Every structure is written in structure tokens, then in C-alpha cells.
Amino acid sequence: MTRSAPGERPRPRVVHVPDAHAYVEHVSRLPEDVSVRPAPAVPGATAVPGVPSGPAGRLPRFSWEDGPQWVRAHAAEFDVLHVHFGFERLSVAELTALVAALAEAGRALVWTAHDLTNPHLVDQALHEQQLAVLAEHAAAVLTLTPGAAEEIRRRWGRVATVVPHPHLAPAEVMARVRPGTRGAPVVGLHLGLLRPSTDRRVVLALLDAVTELPTATLRVHLREEVLAAGFPRPDRELVRELHRPSRAGRVDLRVGGRLPEPALWDELSSLSALVLPYRWGTHSGWVESCYDVGTPVVAPESGRWSEQQPVHTFRSGPSGPDRASLVDALRRAVAAGPRRSSVASERLSGRTRGVVEHDRVHRLVAAGDRL
């Protein structure tokens, strides 16, 4: 562990898994550290002003495939393993072997619960078993919203520390002040790779509902892989339903690759609203990204999205979305329009609080506490 101020618990060496992700970057390093501090000794290590960053050099990147062996080989070089996501590929036995290796080495496990229901899976059985292993063995559990914390308490009897999702957009993007609405409103729908939680019924209802806003354009982004032979989740009927109004000029259908930055921020900033077409899920990076740039979000009442940031919700059930509710949510979002004020200061302050809270939790568990 690295040195700390007198009377303060030693600052632990933390390995975040994964380490190369915007969320992890923003909960482990303060905004000013990104530009003025050298890379931390441990991938994703928490950086706090006035605290030395530890010895030079980096650990080899953690690998899920050889997790227990990695822990045994490098136990002397870290104090806390903080798991976020990516464990979906492991069997229950493999995940259990990892937490056992951490216990044998005397290293603490921290888990941030992002997806209590996995948006990439239809059958949640394995995911639920994996979460049960993490909930049982983690020295501390974190999550993003009070509703998720209550679900964790109900399902596993653990008290989760709530640390809100940090910003995702760069500070210079958040600092932009958007002009007033000009021209016809544009409603965005990012379907990506048609993840299993995508509700095709919401998509089809949206094609109809947007006609209630006669001046509005529906802009749909679809990854080109969806149209390729061998795509694992083909939905040719949905694709046909998207192409039909596209040819008629009522839908702006854009098929291509993943939008890189800064094109993504320009795209989100150009929208009057973004619709989340989900059947299930817990938290969403889209909600945070849209909040960063001032774009209203329309989402079903399920999930914890409205606890992350204010969103315009619509009702949706086993038979699909309620059309009147969806139209009402769209109208409210478009009428509200983009937020014109910047949230850069608020978001950067929130990020600082999140980093400090992570550091507090890491210090406690590294010292042997179970929260």
C-alpha cells in the first residue's frame, strides 16, 4: 500500500476490471488527474490529490480466462480487485475459483452492481447465479441508484453503497451551450446490434407514434453487422419495417459502424430526444450521455433509468408499449426541448465525489472491513 497523511488509512492499490472503460476511468481518477498526473502504477488505480501514485510500472492486464492464476501471481502487487462487468463469460465454478483465490491471497473484492438484469441475455439464470457469488463474497458492494440498492438488499441481504454514475462526455463537450430549437425536431433511436433486451414492439410502435408529431423526423441508427449473413440475432421483419418508411422519406435510417467520438457527441447533441427501446435492464450509459449534452430521454417505466437522471417515461407491458403513453412521452420530451445550460461544473463535482467515495471504500476493505 502507498503512504498516506498521518492518521489516514493507507491508500490501497486497486485493480479495476475492466480497466479500459470510460466509466471506470471516471470513478477512479479525478478530472484534473487525466491531464496532469502520470499513469497510475496499477491499471485504474484511484488517484487522489496529494497522494503519491506508487511505484513505477504496471501490472499485466487482468484476464478473466486465468483469473485465479493471475491473482496468485500478482497478489503482492495489489490490495483490492474491483469488479464492474465482463464476468458474463465465466461459469459459476470459474467465478467461485476467482473469489477463492482472492480470499486465499488475503486480497479484498469489491463489486459494483451495474446490471441486475443483463440486457445482453434472454435467459438470466446464469447471470443471477454469478451475481449471487459476487454478493456473497464481496467485501463491499456498490451500485448506481437507490432502487438498485434496495433490490440488492432484498435479493442478497447486502447493503450497497450508492455512488451515482459519473459523466461520460468530455468536459469540453459538456461545457457547450446548445442553441434554441431550430427546424423540425429529430427523435433518435440507436438500435446498435439489436441486443436481446431491445423490444421490437417499441420500435414498431415508435414508427407509428412519431406520426403524431407531424413535423418530427425519426432517425434510426443500426449497425451494419445486423444485415450481414450469419448475424446471431437476425430480425429481417424488423429491418423490412424500418426500410419501408425510410424509402418513403419518413424515417432517416442510417446503417453503418459504431459511431466514434466526437461523432457520437455531435449526434446526441443534434437530437430533440432519444428513445430507449428496452424490455429489461437496470442502468444505462445512454441516459448519462444524453444528460451530459442536454438531450431529453424517453424510456419505459421499467429499469432504474429514471433514478439516474430525469427521463420521460411510458408504460409498457407483456403486450407491448401503451401507444397513448408513448405518444405522450414523446410530446413531453420534444416540447421540453434540449437543455440549454451547461452541466459541466455539476458533473465534474459529482465525479470528484464519486472518486473520493470509491477511495474511502477501497481503504476500508483493504484494511479488512466488510461493508
Protein backbone atom coordinates (compact mmCIF):
# COMPACT_ATOMS: atom_id res chain seq x y z
CA MET A 1 0.00 0.00 0.00
CA THR A 2 1.19 3.55 -0.66
CA ARG A 3 1.75 6.17 2.01
CA SER A 4 -0.97 8.48 3.29
CA ALA A 5 -1.29 11.51 5.50
CA PRO A 6 -0.82 10.97 9.28
CA GLY A 7 -3.93 9.40 10.84
CA GLU A 8 -5.27 8.27 7.49
CA ARG A 9 -5.59 4.66 6.41
CA PRO A 10 -3.01 3.66 3.78
CA ARG A 11 -4.14 4.15 0.22
CA PRO A 12 -4.62 0.72 -1.34
CA ARG A 13 -3.51 -0.41 -4.75
CA VAL A 14 -6.67 -1.07 -6.73
CA VAL A 15 -7.15 -3.07 -9.90
CA HIS A 16 -10.41 -2.26 -11.72
CA VAL A 17 -11.86 -4.88 -14.05
CA PRO A 18 -12.17 -3.84 -16.79
CA ASP A 19 -9.61 -1.05 -16.60
CA ALA A 20 -10.07 0.38 -20.13
CA HIS A 21 -13.56 1.87 -19.92
CA ALA A 22 -14.85 5.45 -19.64
CA TYR A 23 -16.96 4.66 -16.56
CA VAL A 24 -14.01 3.10 -14.75
CA GLU A 25 -11.73 5.98 -15.72
CA HIS A 26 -14.21 8.45 -14.28
CA VAL A 27 -14.75 6.69 -10.94
CA SER A 28 -11.05 6.05 -10.37
CA ARG A 29 -9.37 9.29 -11.43
CA LEU A 30 -10.24 12.90 -10.76
CA PRO A 31 -10.80 15.16 -13.80
CA GLU A 32 -7.54 17.04 -13.28
CA ASP A 33 -5.58 13.78 -12.95
CA VAL A 34 -6.34 12.86 -16.56
CA SER A 35 -4.15 15.64 -17.91
CA VAL A 36 -1.64 16.45 -15.18
CA ARG A 37 -0.78 13.16 -13.46
CA PRO A 38 1.28 10.30 -14.85
CA ALA A 39 -0.43 6.96 -15.39
CA PRO A 40 -1.05 5.21 -12.05
CA ALA A 41 1.01 2.18 -11.13
CA VAL A 42 -1.98 -0.15 -11.17
CA PRO A 43 -4.49 -0.05 -14.06
CA GLY A 44 -7.40 2.07 -12.90
CA ALA A 45 -5.81 2.89 -9.54
CA THR A 46 -7.59 5.63 -7.62
CA ALA A 47 -5.77 8.95 -7.88
CA VAL A 48 -6.36 11.47 -5.11
CA PRO A 49 -4.61 14.89 -4.90
CA GLY A 50 -1.64 14.85 -2.55
CA VAL A 51 -1.35 11.08 -2.57
CA PRO A 52 1.66 9.52 -4.30
CA SER A 53 0.81 7.24 -7.20
CA GLY A 54 3.02 4.35 -6.11
CA PRO A 55 5.99 2.58 -7.68
CA ALA A 56 6.69 2.81 -11.38
CA GLY A 57 5.47 0.13 -13.74
CA ARG A 58 2.17 -1.59 -14.46
CA LEU A 59 0.76 -4.97 -13.67
CA PRO A 60 0.00 -7.25 -16.59
CA ARG A 61 -3.65 -6.73 -17.52
CA PHE A 62 -6.10 -8.91 -15.61
CA SER A 63 -7.56 -11.75 -17.67
CA TRP A 64 -10.85 -13.49 -16.84
CA GLU A 65 -9.58 -16.65 -18.53
CA ASP A 66 -6.77 -17.13 -15.99
CA GLY A 67 -8.15 -15.03 -13.11
CA PRO A 68 -7.13 -17.29 -10.19
CA GLN A 69 -3.64 -17.78 -11.61
CA TRP A 70 -3.31 -14.02 -12.18
CA VAL A 71 -4.30 -13.34 -8.56
CA ARG A 72 -1.77 -15.83 -7.20
CA ALA A 73 1.00 -14.50 -9.44
CA HIS A 74 0.42 -10.83 -8.60
CA ALA A 75 -1.12 -10.82 -5.11
CA ALA A 76 1.87 -8.92 -3.72
CA GLU A 77 1.28 -6.09 -6.20
CA PHE A 78 -2.33 -5.10 -5.43
CA ASP A 79 -4.70 -4.86 -2.46
CA VAL A 80 -8.20 -4.67 -3.96
CA LEU A 81 -9.80 -6.20 -7.04
CA HIS A 82 -12.81 -4.10 -8.06
CA VAL A 83 -15.13 -5.93 -10.46
CA HIS A 84 -17.55 -3.97 -12.65
CA PHE A 85 -18.56 -6.12 -15.63
CA GLY A 86 -17.20 -8.65 -18.10
CA PHE A 87 -17.64 -11.75 -15.93
CA GLU A 88 -20.55 -12.98 -18.09
CA ARG A 89 -18.24 -15.41 -19.86
CA LEU A 90 -17.41 -17.31 -16.66
CA SER A 91 -19.14 -20.37 -15.26
CA VAL A 92 -20.22 -20.25 -11.63
CA ALA A 93 -17.34 -22.62 -10.81
CA GLU A 94 -14.81 -20.34 -12.51
CA LEU A 95 -16.11 -17.24 -10.74
CA THR A 96 -16.10 -19.10 -7.42
CA ALA A 97 -12.46 -20.12 -8.04
CA LEU A 98 -11.55 -16.46 -8.59
CA VAL A 99 -13.10 -15.25 -5.33
CA ALA A 100 -11.49 -18.19 -3.52
CA ALA A 101 -8.07 -17.19 -4.89
CA LEU A 102 -8.61 -13.64 -3.65
CA ALA A 103 -9.56 -14.92 -0.19
CA GLU A 104 -6.52 -17.23 -0.05
CA ALA A 105 -4.26 -14.34 -1.00
CA GLY A 106 -5.86 -12.01 1.54
CA ARG A 107 -6.98 -9.57 -1.14
CA ALA A 108 -10.32 -7.77 -0.99
CA LEU A 109 -13.06 -7.99 -3.61
CA VAL A 110 -15.30 -5.00 -4.38
CA TRP A 111 -18.24 -5.34 -6.77
CA THR A 112 -20.20 -2.56 -8.46
CA ALA A 113 -23.62 -3.87 -9.49
CA HIS A 114 -24.35 -2.31 -12.89
CA ASP A 115 -26.78 -4.79 -14.47
CA LEU A 116 -29.01 -6.67 -12.05
CA THR A 117 -30.79 -7.85 -15.18
CA ASN A 118 -28.40 -8.38 -18.08
CA PRO A 119 -29.54 -6.57 -21.28
CA HIS A 120 -27.45 -8.93 -23.41
CA LEU A 121 -29.19 -12.10 -22.21
CA VAL A 122 -32.66 -13.58 -22.50
CA ASP A 123 -32.09 -16.42 -20.02
CA GLN A 124 -30.94 -14.72 -16.79
CA ALA A 125 -30.31 -17.91 -14.79
CA LEU A 126 -26.52 -17.95 -15.07
CA HIS A 127 -26.30 -14.19 -14.57
CA GLU A 128 -28.30 -14.44 -11.35
CA GLN A 129 -26.02 -17.19 -10.07
CA GLN A 130 -22.95 -15.10 -10.87
CA LEU A 131 -24.39 -12.10 -9.03
CA ALA A 132 -25.12 -14.29 -6.01
CA VAL A 133 -21.45 -15.33 -5.88
CA LEU A 134 -20.29 -11.71 -6.05
CA ALA A 135 -22.85 -10.55 -3.49
CA GLU A 136 -21.79 -13.24 -1.04
CA HIS A 137 -18.03 -12.79 -1.32
CA ALA A 138 -17.52 -9.06 -2.00
CA ALA A 139 -16.18 -7.10 0.96
CA ALA A 140 -18.19 -4.15 -0.35
CA VAL A 141 -21.00 -3.78 -2.86
CA LEU A 142 -21.60 -0.56 -4.77
CA THR A 143 -24.36 0.37 -7.18
CA LEU A 144 -25.65 3.43 -9.04
CA THR A 145 -29.18 4.09 -7.80
CA PRO A 146 -31.24 3.72 -4.60
CA GLY A 147 -33.70 1.37 -6.33
CA ALA A 148 -30.90 -0.97 -7.32
CA ALA A 149 -29.54 -0.84 -3.75
CA GLU A 150 -32.96 -1.83 -2.41
CA GLU A 151 -33.13 -4.74 -4.86
CA ILE A 152 -29.67 -5.90 -3.74
CA ARG A 153 -30.78 -5.75 -0.09
CA ARG A 154 -33.93 -7.71 -0.90
CA ARG A 155 -32.22 -10.39 -3.02
CA TRP A 156 -28.98 -10.95 -1.11
CA GLY A 157 -29.21 -9.11 2.19
CA ARG A 158 -26.30 -6.78 1.34
CA VAL A 159 -26.23 -3.04 2.00
CA ALA A 160 -24.91 -1.44 -1.19
CA THR A 161 -23.20 1.93 -1.24
CA VAL A 162 -24.88 4.16 -3.83
CA VAL A 163 -22.44 6.13 -5.97
CA PRO A 164 -24.19 7.85 -8.92
CA HIS A 165 -22.94 7.24 -12.44
CA PRO A 166 -20.32 9.83 -13.46
CA HIS A 167 -20.37 11.85 -16.64
CA LEU A 168 -19.32 10.17 -19.88
CA ALA A 169 -18.92 13.15 -22.21
CA PRO A 170 -15.63 15.08 -22.10
CA ALA A 171 -15.64 18.34 -20.14
CA GLU A 172 -15.37 20.45 -23.28
CA VAL A 173 -18.46 18.76 -24.74
CA MET A 174 -20.47 19.27 -21.55
CA ALA A 175 -19.43 22.93 -21.48
CA ARG A 176 -21.16 23.67 -24.77
CA VAL A 177 -24.32 25.75 -24.59
CA ARG A 178 -26.89 24.45 -27.05
CA PRO A 179 -28.83 26.97 -29.12
CA GLY A 180 -32.60 27.06 -29.09
CA THR A 181 -34.52 24.56 -31.20
CA ARG A 182 -34.18 25.21 -34.91
CA GLY A 183 -36.10 23.43 -37.64
CA ALA A 184 -38.08 20.21 -37.28
CA PRO A 185 -37.45 18.06 -34.21
CA VAL A 186 -35.35 14.92 -34.63
CA VAL A 187 -36.10 11.88 -32.45
CA GLY A 188 -33.21 9.44 -32.19
CA LEU A 189 -33.29 5.66 -31.88
CA HIS A 190 -29.97 3.79 -31.56
CA LEU A 191 -30.61 0.09 -32.19
CA GLY A 192 -26.95 -0.89 -32.48
CA LEU A 193 -26.61 -4.66 -32.68
CA LEU A 194 -30.19 -5.37 -31.60
CA ARG A 195 -29.22 -6.53 -28.13
CA PRO A 196 -31.63 -9.13 -26.71
CA SER A 197 -33.32 -6.55 -24.46
CA THR A 198 -34.38 -4.50 -27.50
CA ASP A 199 -38.18 -4.52 -27.67
CA ARG A 200 -39.14 -4.67 -31.35
CA ARG A 201 -42.69 -3.78 -30.30
CA VAL A 202 -41.44 -0.42 -29.02
CA VAL A 203 -39.63 0.17 -32.31
CA LEU A 204 -42.73 -0.63 -34.35
CA ALA A 205 -44.94 1.47 -32.06
CA LEU A 206 -42.48 4.34 -32.35
CA LEU A 207 -42.70 4.25 -36.16
CA ASP A 208 -46.40 4.83 -35.74
CA ALA A 209 -46.28 7.18 -32.73
CA VAL A 210 -43.90 9.64 -34.36
CA THR A 211 -46.61 10.39 -36.92
CA GLU A 212 -48.41 12.16 -34.08
CA LEU A 213 -45.61 14.73 -34.29
CA PRO A 214 -46.09 15.57 -37.98
CA THR A 215 -43.01 17.80 -38.27
CA ALA A 216 -40.69 15.36 -36.48
CA THR A 217 -38.14 13.06 -38.11
CA LEU A 218 -37.23 9.67 -36.62
CA ARG A 219 -33.52 8.99 -37.05
CA VAL A 220 -32.60 5.33 -36.58
CA HIS A 221 -29.04 4.06 -36.26
CA LEU A 222 -28.46 0.38 -37.00
CA ARG A 223 -25.12 -1.39 -37.09
CA GLU A 224 -24.20 -2.84 -40.47
CA GLU A 225 -23.39 -6.22 -38.89
CA VAL A 226 -27.13 -6.77 -38.36
CA LEU A 227 -27.58 -7.13 -42.12
CA ALA A 228 -24.65 -9.49 -42.62
CA ALA A 229 -25.09 -13.21 -43.23
CA GLY A 230 -24.53 -15.21 -40.06
CA PHE A 231 -25.52 -12.43 -37.66
CA PRO A 232 -26.62 -14.32 -34.49
CA ARG A 233 -29.80 -12.30 -33.83
CA PRO A 234 -31.32 -11.58 -37.24
CA ASP A 235 -34.68 -9.79 -37.32
CA ARG A 236 -35.41 -9.46 -41.01
CA GLU A 237 -39.02 -8.44 -40.41
CA LEU A 238 -37.96 -5.51 -38.23
CA VAL A 239 -35.36 -4.45 -40.78
CA ARG A 240 -38.02 -4.51 -43.51
CA GLU A 241 -40.34 -2.43 -41.33
CA LEU A 242 -37.55 0.14 -40.92
CA HIS A 243 -36.70 0.25 -44.61
CA ARG A 244 -40.31 0.79 -45.71
CA PRO A 245 -40.78 4.26 -44.10
CA SER A 246 -37.15 5.05 -44.87
CA ARG A 247 -37.82 4.69 -48.60
CA ALA A 248 -40.91 6.87 -48.16
CA GLY A 249 -38.80 9.57 -46.51
CA ARG A 250 -40.50 9.33 -43.12
CA VAL A 251 -37.55 7.72 -41.33
CA ASP A 252 -33.88 8.65 -41.57
CA LEU A 253 -32.34 5.16 -41.41
CA ARG A 254 -28.56 5.14 -41.01
CA VAL A 255 -26.77 1.79 -41.30
CA GLY A 256 -23.06 1.77 -40.54
CA GLY A 257 -20.36 1.13 -37.97
CA ARG A 258 -20.17 2.21 -34.36
CA LEU A 259 -20.05 5.99 -34.04
CA PRO A 260 -16.65 7.12 -32.81
CA GLU A 261 -16.05 10.13 -30.63
CA PRO A 262 -16.55 13.03 -31.30
CA ALA A 263 -19.17 12.00 -33.88
CA LEU A 264 -21.24 10.37 -31.12
CA TRP A 265 -21.39 13.59 -29.10
CA ASP A 266 -22.29 15.60 -32.20
CA GLU A 267 -25.06 13.11 -32.98
CA LEU A 268 -26.57 13.14 -29.48
CA SER A 269 -26.33 16.92 -29.38
CA SER A 270 -28.31 17.17 -32.63
CA LEU A 271 -31.34 15.27 -31.28
CA SER A 272 -34.54 16.67 -29.82
CA ALA A 273 -34.96 13.41 -27.86
CA LEU A 274 -33.56 9.89 -27.68
CA VAL A 275 -35.78 6.83 -27.18
CA LEU A 276 -34.60 3.75 -25.27
CA PRO A 277 -36.48 0.71 -26.72
CA TYR A 278 -35.78 -1.74 -23.90
CA ARG A 279 -37.76 -4.66 -22.48
CA TRP A 280 -35.50 -5.02 -19.45
CA GLY A 281 -32.35 -3.59 -17.93
CA THR A 282 -31.08 -1.78 -14.86
CA HIS A 283 -28.90 1.21 -15.72
CA SER A 284 -27.95 2.92 -18.99
CA GLY A 285 -24.95 4.85 -20.23
CA TRP A 286 -27.24 6.44 -22.85
CA VAL A 287 -29.15 8.23 -20.06
CA GLU A 288 -25.93 9.72 -18.71
CA SER A 289 -24.54 10.64 -22.12
CA CYS A 290 -27.76 12.43 -23.08
CA TYR A 291 -27.83 14.29 -19.77
CA ASP A 292 -24.26 15.43 -20.39
CA VAL A 293 -25.25 17.10 -23.67
CA GLY A 294 -28.77 18.19 -22.71
CA THR A 295 -30.85 15.79 -24.81
CA PRO A 296 -34.15 14.54 -23.28
CA VAL A 297 -34.59 10.77 -22.96
CA VAL A 298 -37.79 8.77 -23.49
CA ALA A 299 -37.76 5.36 -21.79
CA PRO A 300 -40.10 2.66 -20.48
CA GLU A 301 -41.00 2.72 -16.80
CA SER A 302 -39.01 -0.46 -16.15
CA GLY A 303 -35.38 -0.38 -15.04
CA ARG A 304 -33.72 2.28 -12.88
CA TRP A 305 -33.22 4.79 -15.69
CA SER A 306 -35.44 7.47 -14.18
CA GLU A 307 -33.39 7.26 -10.96
CA GLN A 308 -30.20 8.03 -12.87
CA GLN A 309 -31.45 11.26 -14.42
CA PRO A 310 -34.89 12.76 -15.22
CA VAL A 311 -36.45 10.91 -18.18
CA HIS A 312 -39.85 10.96 -19.88
CA THR A 313 -41.35 7.52 -19.23
CA PHE A 314 -44.03 5.50 -20.99
CA ARG A 315 -45.91 2.39 -19.92
CA SER A 316 -45.04 -0.96 -21.44
CA GLY A 317 -46.22 -4.44 -20.51
CA PRO A 318 -46.38 -8.04 -21.72
CA SER A 319 -48.40 -7.00 -24.76
CA GLY A 320 -46.04 -4.17 -25.66
CA PRO A 321 -45.95 -0.42 -25.13
CA ASP A 322 -49.06 1.63 -24.46
CA ARG A 323 -49.34 3.78 -27.58
CA ALA A 324 -51.02 6.75 -25.89
CA SER A 325 -48.39 6.72 -23.15
CA LEU A 326 -45.57 6.56 -25.71
CA VAL A 327 -47.02 9.44 -27.75
CA ASP A 328 -47.43 11.49 -24.57
CA ALA A 329 -43.83 10.86 -23.52
CA LEU A 330 -42.58 11.84 -26.98
CA ARG A 331 -44.62 15.03 -26.95
CA ARG A 332 -43.37 15.98 -23.49
CA ALA A 333 -39.75 15.35 -24.43
CA VAL A 334 -39.94 17.31 -27.69
CA ALA A 335 -41.84 20.16 -26.01
CA ALA A 336 -39.23 20.35 -23.24
CA GLY A 337 -36.51 20.53 -25.85
CA PRO A 338 -32.76 20.34 -25.29
CA ARG A 339 -31.37 21.80 -22.08
CA ARG A 340 -29.53 24.97 -22.99
CA SER A 341 -27.45 25.34 -19.82
CA SER A 342 -24.17 23.51 -19.26
CA VAL A 343 -23.86 20.85 -16.55
CA ALA A 344 -20.06 20.65 -16.76
CA SER A 345 -19.46 22.05 -13.27
CA GLU A 346 -22.13 19.85 -11.68
CA ARG A 347 -20.90 16.72 -13.41
CA LEU A 348 -17.22 17.28 -12.66
CA SER A 349 -18.06 17.93 -9.00
CA GLY A 350 -20.12 14.75 -8.93
CA ARG A 351 -17.22 12.85 -10.43
CA THR A 352 -14.92 14.15 -7.70
CA ARG A 353 -17.36 12.98 -5.00
CA GLY A 354 -17.54 9.58 -6.67
CA VAL A 355 -13.77 9.18 -6.80
CA VAL A 356 -13.43 10.14 -3.13
CA GLU A 357 -16.20 7.69 -2.15
CA HIS A 358 -14.52 4.87 -4.08
CA ASP A 359 -11.25 5.69 -2.34
CA ARG A 360 -12.99 5.55 1.06
CA VAL A 361 -14.47 2.14 0.32
CA HIS A 362 -11.19 0.79 -1.01
CA ARG A 363 -9.31 1.91 2.11
CA LEU A 364 -11.83 0.25 4.41
CA VAL A 365 -11.91 -3.13 2.65
CA ALA A 366 -8.12 -3.20 2.22
CA ALA A 367 -7.88 -2.78 5.98
CA GLY A 368 -10.11 -5.83 6.46
CA ASP A 369 -13.55 -4.28 6.85
CA ARG A 370 -16.69 -5.81 5.33
CA LEU A 371 -19.27 -3.17 4.49
